[in-house]
Protein backbone atom coordinates (compact mmCIF):
# COMPACT_ATOMS: atom_id res chain seq x y z
CA SER A 1 -40.96 -34.15 -39.69
CA CYS A 2 -40.25 -35.85 -36.34
CA LEU A 3 -36.69 -34.44 -36.31
CA TYR A 4 -38.01 -30.95 -37.15
CA ASN A 5 -40.51 -31.08 -34.28
CA THR A 6 -37.81 -32.23 -31.83
CA MET A 7 -35.49 -29.37 -32.80
CA THR A 8 -38.33 -26.87 -32.53
CA GLU A 9 -39.18 -28.07 -29.02
CA ALA A 10 -35.50 -27.85 -27.98
CA VAL A 11 -35.27 -24.26 -29.19
CA LEU A 12 -38.47 -23.27 -27.43
CA LEU A 13 -37.47 -24.95 -24.15
CA SER A 14 -33.90 -23.59 -24.10
CA PRO A 15 -33.52 -20.73 -21.58
CA THR A 16 -32.69 -17.28 -22.85
CA PHE A 17 -30.78 -14.83 -20.65
CA PRO A 18 -30.78 -11.06 -21.18
CA PRO A 19 -27.41 -9.50 -21.95
CA GLN A 20 -25.61 -8.33 -18.82
CA ALA A 21 -24.61 -4.71 -18.57
CA GLY A 22 -20.94 -3.99 -18.22
CA GLY A 23 -19.71 -6.59 -20.63
CA PRO A 24 -17.25 -5.77 -23.37
CA GLY A 25 -18.92 -3.45 -25.84
CA MET A 26 -22.24 -3.46 -23.97
CA LEU A 27 -24.40 -0.40 -23.31
CA VAL A 28 -24.91 0.53 -19.66
CA GLY A 29 -26.95 3.25 -18.07
CA GLY A 30 -30.58 4.18 -18.26
CA GLY A 31 -33.09 6.93 -18.75
CA GLY A 32 -32.16 7.45 -22.36
CA PHE A 33 -28.50 8.13 -21.54
CA ASP A 34 -26.69 4.98 -22.61
CA ARG A 35 -22.94 4.84 -22.80
CA ILE A 36 -20.35 2.22 -23.67
CA ARG A 37 -18.47 1.01 -20.61
CA LYS A 38 -14.72 0.99 -21.03
CA GLY A 39 -12.70 -2.07 -20.17
CA LEU A 40 -10.69 -2.06 -16.94
CA LEU A 41 -6.98 -1.77 -17.57
CA ARG A 42 -4.58 -3.16 -14.99
CA ARG A 43 -0.94 -2.24 -14.89
CA THR A 44 1.34 -5.27 -15.08
CA VAL A 45 5.03 -5.73 -14.34
CA ASP A 46 6.40 -8.63 -16.36
CA TYR A 47 9.71 -9.87 -14.95
CA HIS A 48 9.77 -13.20 -16.77
CA CYS A 49 11.82 -11.90 -19.72
CA SER A 50 14.57 -10.62 -17.42
CA THR A 51 14.54 -13.87 -15.45
CA LEU A 52 14.85 -16.03 -18.57
CA ARG A 53 17.68 -13.82 -19.81
CA TYR A 54 19.51 -14.30 -16.50
CA LEU A 55 19.05 -18.09 -16.58
CA GLU A 56 20.42 -18.29 -20.13
CA ASP A 57 23.41 -16.01 -19.56
CA ARG A 58 24.62 -17.57 -16.31
CA LYS A 59 25.50 -20.80 -18.14
CA TRP A 60 28.46 -19.17 -19.90
CA GLN A 61 29.17 -16.00 -17.90
CA ARG A 62 31.96 -16.48 -15.39
CA ASP A 63 31.67 -13.16 -13.58
CA ILE A 64 31.54 -9.46 -14.35
CA ARG A 65 34.18 -9.89 -17.07
CA ASP A 66 31.72 -11.65 -19.36
CA ARG A 67 28.74 -9.41 -18.71
CA PRO A 68 27.89 -6.65 -21.18
CA VAL A 69 27.93 -3.06 -20.04
CA ILE A 70 24.40 -1.67 -20.00
CA GLN A 71 24.14 1.86 -21.34
CA PRO A 72 21.31 4.34 -20.58
CA ASP A 73 19.63 3.82 -23.92
CA THR A 74 16.41 2.11 -25.01
CA SER A 75 18.32 -0.33 -27.22
CA TYR A 76 19.77 -1.97 -24.09
CA PHE A 77 16.42 -2.81 -22.50
CA ASN A 78 16.56 -6.40 -23.67
CA GLN A 79 19.88 -6.91 -21.81
CA ILE A 80 18.59 -5.92 -18.40
CA VAL A 81 18.43 -8.84 -15.97
CA ILE A 82 17.10 -9.27 -12.44
CA PRO A 83 19.11 -7.82 -9.50
CA ARG A 84 20.35 -11.32 -8.65
CA GLY A 85 22.43 -11.25 -11.82
CA LEU A 86 24.00 -7.87 -10.99
CA GLU A 87 25.16 -8.34 -7.42
CA GLU A 88 28.32 -6.31 -8.02
CA ASN A 89 26.15 -3.27 -8.81
CA PRO A 90 23.43 -3.08 -6.10
CA VAL A 91 22.02 0.18 -7.46
CA ASN A 92 20.10 -1.90 -10.03
CA ALA A 93 17.88 -3.16 -7.19
CA VAL A 94 16.73 0.35 -6.23
CA THR A 95 13.13 0.89 -7.32
CA THR A 96 12.27 4.44 -8.35
CA LYS A 97 9.01 4.15 -10.30
CA PHE A 98 5.62 3.97 -8.64
CA VAL A 99 3.56 1.08 -10.02
CA LYS A 100 0.33 0.50 -8.14
CA ALA A 101 -1.61 1.39 -4.99
CA CYS A 102 -3.95 -1.31 -3.66
CA THR A 103 -6.67 -0.95 -1.03
CA ASN A 104 -8.11 -3.77 1.01
CA LYS A 105 -11.84 -4.38 1.19
CA VAL A 106 -11.90 -3.36 4.86
CA ARG A 107 -9.56 -0.47 5.56
CA SER A 108 -7.11 -1.36 8.32
CA PRO A 109 -3.50 -0.39 9.13
CA ILE A 110 -0.85 -2.66 7.58
CA PHE A 111 1.99 -3.50 9.96
CA CYS A 112 4.03 -6.02 7.93
CA THR A 113 4.43 -7.32 4.39
CA THR A 114 6.40 -10.12 2.80
CA TRP A 115 6.71 -11.84 -0.55
CA VAL A 116 5.98 -15.52 -1.00
CA PRO A 117 9.28 -17.34 -1.77
CA ASP A 118 8.29 -17.93 -5.40
CA GLY A 119 7.72 -14.17 -5.85
CA ARG A 120 4.24 -14.56 -7.31
CA ARG A 121 2.20 -13.18 -4.41
CA LEU A 122 2.49 -10.54 -1.72
CA VAL A 123 1.20 -11.16 1.80
CA THR A 124 0.20 -8.32 4.11
CA GLY A 125 -0.62 -8.46 7.82
CA ALA A 126 -3.22 -6.00 9.12
CA ALA A 127 -4.32 -4.65 12.49
CA SER A 128 -7.48 -6.75 12.17
CA GLY A 129 -5.40 -9.96 12.28
CA GLU A 130 -6.03 -10.81 8.62
CA PHE A 131 -3.67 -11.96 5.90
CA THR A 132 -4.35 -10.45 2.49
CA LEU A 133 -2.88 -12.13 -0.59
CA TRP A 134 -2.15 -9.95 -3.63
CA ASN A 135 -1.11 -11.00 -7.10
CA GLY A 136 2.49 -9.93 -7.66
CA VAL A 137 2.10 -9.42 -11.42
CA ASN A 138 -1.30 -7.80 -11.91
CA PHE A 139 -1.49 -6.37 -8.35
CA ASN A 140 -5.08 -7.48 -7.86
CA PHE A 141 -6.69 -8.93 -4.73
CA GLU A 142 -6.77 -12.73 -4.37
CA SER A 143 -7.96 -13.80 -0.92
CA ILE A 144 -8.19 -12.95 2.79
CA ILE A 145 -7.32 -15.26 5.70
CA GLN A 146 -8.25 -14.59 9.32
CA ALA A 147 -4.89 -15.54 10.82
CA HIS A 148 -4.77 -13.89 14.29
CA ASP A 149 -7.25 -12.54 16.80
CA CYS A 150 -5.32 -9.26 17.11
CA SER A 151 -2.85 -7.16 15.14
CA VAL A 152 -0.20 -9.03 13.11
CA ARG A 153 3.18 -7.51 13.91
CA SER A 154 5.73 -9.45 11.85
CA MET A 155 6.11 -12.03 9.08
CA ASN A 156 9.27 -13.98 8.42
CA TRP A 157 10.03 -16.83 6.01
CA SER A 158 12.58 -19.52 6.74
CA HIS A 159 15.67 -19.75 4.55
CA ASN A 160 14.42 -22.93 2.87
CA GLY A 161 11.13 -21.22 1.98
CA LYS A 162 8.94 -23.89 3.59
CA TRP A 163 7.78 -22.12 6.75
CA MET A 164 6.44 -18.69 7.61
CA VAL A 165 6.40 -17.40 11.19
CA THR A 166 4.01 -14.63 12.25
CA THR A 167 3.67 -12.81 15.58
CA ASP A 168 0.93 -10.66 17.11
CA ASP A 169 0.12 -8.20 19.88
CA ARG A 170 -0.77 -10.91 22.40
CA GLY A 171 2.67 -12.51 22.25
CA PHE A 172 1.66 -15.53 20.16
CA VAL A 173 3.79 -17.08 17.43
CA LYS A 174 2.24 -19.10 14.62
CA TYR A 175 3.81 -21.50 12.11
CA TRP A 176 2.43 -21.52 8.55
CA GLN A 177 3.15 -23.79 5.61
CA ILE A 178 3.62 -22.57 2.04
CA ASN A 179 -0.11 -23.13 1.41
CA PHE A 180 -0.95 -20.95 4.47
CA ASN A 181 -2.02 -23.86 6.62
CA ASN A 182 -1.52 -23.09 10.32
CA VAL A 183 0.23 -26.07 11.90
CA HIS A 184 1.28 -24.78 15.33
CA THR A 185 0.71 -21.90 17.77
CA PHE A 186 2.45 -21.07 21.03
CA GLN A 187 2.86 -18.05 23.30
CA ALA A 188 6.43 -16.74 23.31
CA HIS A 189 5.95 -13.51 25.30
CA ASN A 190 3.32 -11.89 27.48
CA GLU A 191 3.50 -8.64 25.52
CA PRO A 192 3.47 -7.84 21.77
CA VAL A 193 6.13 -9.64 19.74
CA ARG A 194 7.63 -7.08 17.38
CA SER A 195 9.91 -9.22 15.23
CA SER A 196 11.33 -12.69 14.67
CA SER A 197 14.31 -14.14 12.81
CA PHE A 198 15.55 -17.59 11.78
CA SER A 199 19.04 -18.93 12.36
CA PRO A 200 21.14 -19.77 9.26
CA THR A 201 20.16 -23.45 9.56
CA ASP A 202 16.47 -22.75 10.37
CA ALA A 203 16.87 -24.83 13.53
CA LYS A 204 16.43 -21.87 15.92
CA LEU A 205 14.00 -18.98 16.09
CA ALA A 206 14.62 -15.67 17.84
CA THR A 207 11.85 -13.30 18.93
CA CYS A 208 11.84 -9.85 20.53
CA SER A 209 9.07 -8.15 22.47
CA ASP A 210 7.92 -5.02 24.26
CA ASP A 211 8.90 -6.67 27.54
CA GLY A 212 12.54 -5.78 26.71
CA THR A 213 13.72 -9.37 26.24
CA ILE A 214 14.91 -11.57 23.38
CA ARG A 215 14.08 -15.26 23.44
CA ILE A 216 15.65 -18.05 21.39
CA PHE A 217 13.51 -21.13 20.74
CA ASP A 218 14.10 -24.49 19.16
CA PHE A 219 12.01 -24.33 16.01
CA LEU A 220 10.72 -27.92 16.06
CA SER A 221 10.00 -28.38 19.77
CA CYS A 222 9.16 -24.68 20.48
CA THR A 223 11.13 -24.89 23.74
CA GLU A 224 12.89 -21.80 25.04
CA GLU A 225 16.67 -22.14 25.14
CA PHE A 226 17.95 -18.66 26.00
CA LEU A 227 16.49 -15.50 27.52
CA LEU A 228 18.56 -12.44 26.56
CA ARG A 229 18.30 -9.35 28.73
CA GLY A 230 20.20 -6.11 28.22
CA HIS A 231 17.90 -3.57 26.66
CA GLY A 232 16.25 -1.15 29.03
CA ALA A 233 13.11 -0.67 26.96
CA ASP A 234 10.99 -2.25 24.22
CA VAL A 235 12.94 -4.32 21.69
CA LYS A 236 11.60 -3.28 18.28
CA CYS A 237 13.60 -5.36 15.79
CA ILE A 238 15.90 -8.34 15.56
CA HIS A 239 17.90 -10.03 12.80
CA TRP A 240 20.02 -13.17 12.73
CA HIS A 241 23.11 -12.95 10.51
CA PRO A 242 22.57 -15.14 7.42
CA THR A 243 25.91 -16.97 7.74
CA LYS A 244 27.46 -16.11 11.12
CA ASN A 245 26.62 -16.90 14.72
CA LEU A 246 25.57 -13.32 15.39
CA LEU A 247 22.30 -11.72 16.43
CA ALA A 248 21.53 -7.99 16.09
CA SER A 249 18.73 -6.23 17.96
CA GLY A 250 17.41 -2.68 18.15
CA SER A 251 15.33 -1.15 20.91
CA LYS A 252 13.66 1.97 22.25
CA ASP A 253 16.42 2.41 24.85
CA ASN A 254 18.56 5.51 24.24
CA GLN A 255 21.41 4.16 26.35
CA GLN A 256 21.68 0.78 24.60
CA PRO A 257 19.83 1.16 21.27
CA VAL A 258 21.61 -1.55 19.24
CA LYS A 259 23.27 -4.67 20.59
CA LEU A 260 25.03 -7.67 19.06
CA TRP A 261 24.58 -11.05 20.74
CA ASP A 262 26.24 -14.45 20.72
CA PRO A 263 23.28 -16.86 20.48
CA LYS A 264 25.30 -19.88 21.66
CA MET A 265 26.52 -18.21 24.85
CA GLY A 266 23.42 -16.09 25.36
CA GLN A 267 25.49 -12.98 26.05
CA SER A 268 25.91 -9.53 24.55
CA VAL A 269 29.18 -9.00 22.68
CA CYS A 270 28.80 -5.39 21.57
CA THR A 271 26.68 -2.29 22.18
CA MET A 272 26.34 0.46 19.55
CA LEU A 273 25.41 3.94 20.75
CA VAL A 274 23.93 5.48 17.62
CA GLY A 275 21.26 8.16 17.37
CA ILE A 276 18.86 9.45 19.98
CA TYR A 277 15.63 8.04 18.57
CA ILE A 278 14.07 4.59 18.42
CA CYS A 279 15.85 1.99 16.30
CA MET A 280 13.12 0.57 14.07
CA TYR A 281 15.05 -1.86 11.86
CA VAL A 282 18.36 -3.76 11.86
CA CYS A 283 19.76 -6.02 9.15
CA CYS A 284 23.02 -7.92 8.60
CA ASN A 285 24.43 -8.58 5.15
CA ILE A 286 25.33 -11.96 3.71
CA THR A 287 28.97 -11.29 2.74
CA ASN A 288 32.03 -12.18 4.79
CA THR A 289 32.38 -8.60 6.02
CA CYS A 290 29.73 -8.01 8.67
CA TYR A 291 27.71 -4.90 7.82
CA VAL A 292 24.88 -3.84 10.12
CA LEU A 293 22.24 -1.54 8.66
CA MET A 294 20.13 0.45 11.13
CA TRP A 295 17.11 2.63 10.45
CA TYR A 296 16.03 5.12 13.09
CA GLN A 297 12.85 7.04 13.70
CA ASP A 298 14.67 10.28 12.80
CA LEU A 299 14.75 9.00 9.16
CA PHE A 300 18.54 8.48 9.19
CA ASN A 301 20.24 5.24 8.13
CA TYR A 302 23.48 4.04 9.71
CA ILE A 303 25.83 1.37 8.36
CA TYR A 304 28.53 -0.17 10.59
CA PHE A 305 31.08 -2.87 9.85
């Protein structure tokens, strides 16, 4: 009898919560018009199977001679690997299918994006100075970080994947760890810094700005080592060759749009007169042959070697 009374009191004192609308299989609505709310479906891109296939096959595959030929048939889907495993056929890295469109909570122009080195999250830099982290598999929002006081113009990861460098419209450069902890800030230019690039050893950092100059800093001490002048207008992009002592830059100047620099001497070694519009992007490849890819505002791409 004592045990029965105790259990009865526990049941009476236990809180009861009404069912929440919107749950799986729950009725939502009102006014006599109830409906069953459908579950939210999110599109997912699962790349783990291709990655595991690549890790297993590279143990015994010497080169292209041991790799199977993939045919345009559904039965060959399980043999597709990541682009890293098909470097001799770069067309496999061309994405042609639209997957997802994401919108931030506060609408603001996005000026730069980059993937976290592990490939699990995407980081975007907005005109409001915020970092937005997106899930790279489900494409859903994760978090927002107020990183700068003005527009974020560029994001660049070091080759070892431990540091991220961001620049803004006030000429400031910030160092971030892999956990997005800001460890250092310094002013590199007096005008907006459009781009930055690491040297092959991550010991040096190059920045370009609307003041028409390129500056090379020591990454650890943040001291300026070289000031490169040669462009007659805003320098929009810069890229350090991944393996060579070569620096490529593109500017708004029609007379000297693209230049190649020797970072050790601090001098220009070549000037490329290509196009009549603004050079928005330059990139050097990682192979022994030096290819320079340029993208202009007239929507034309140029490749030089």
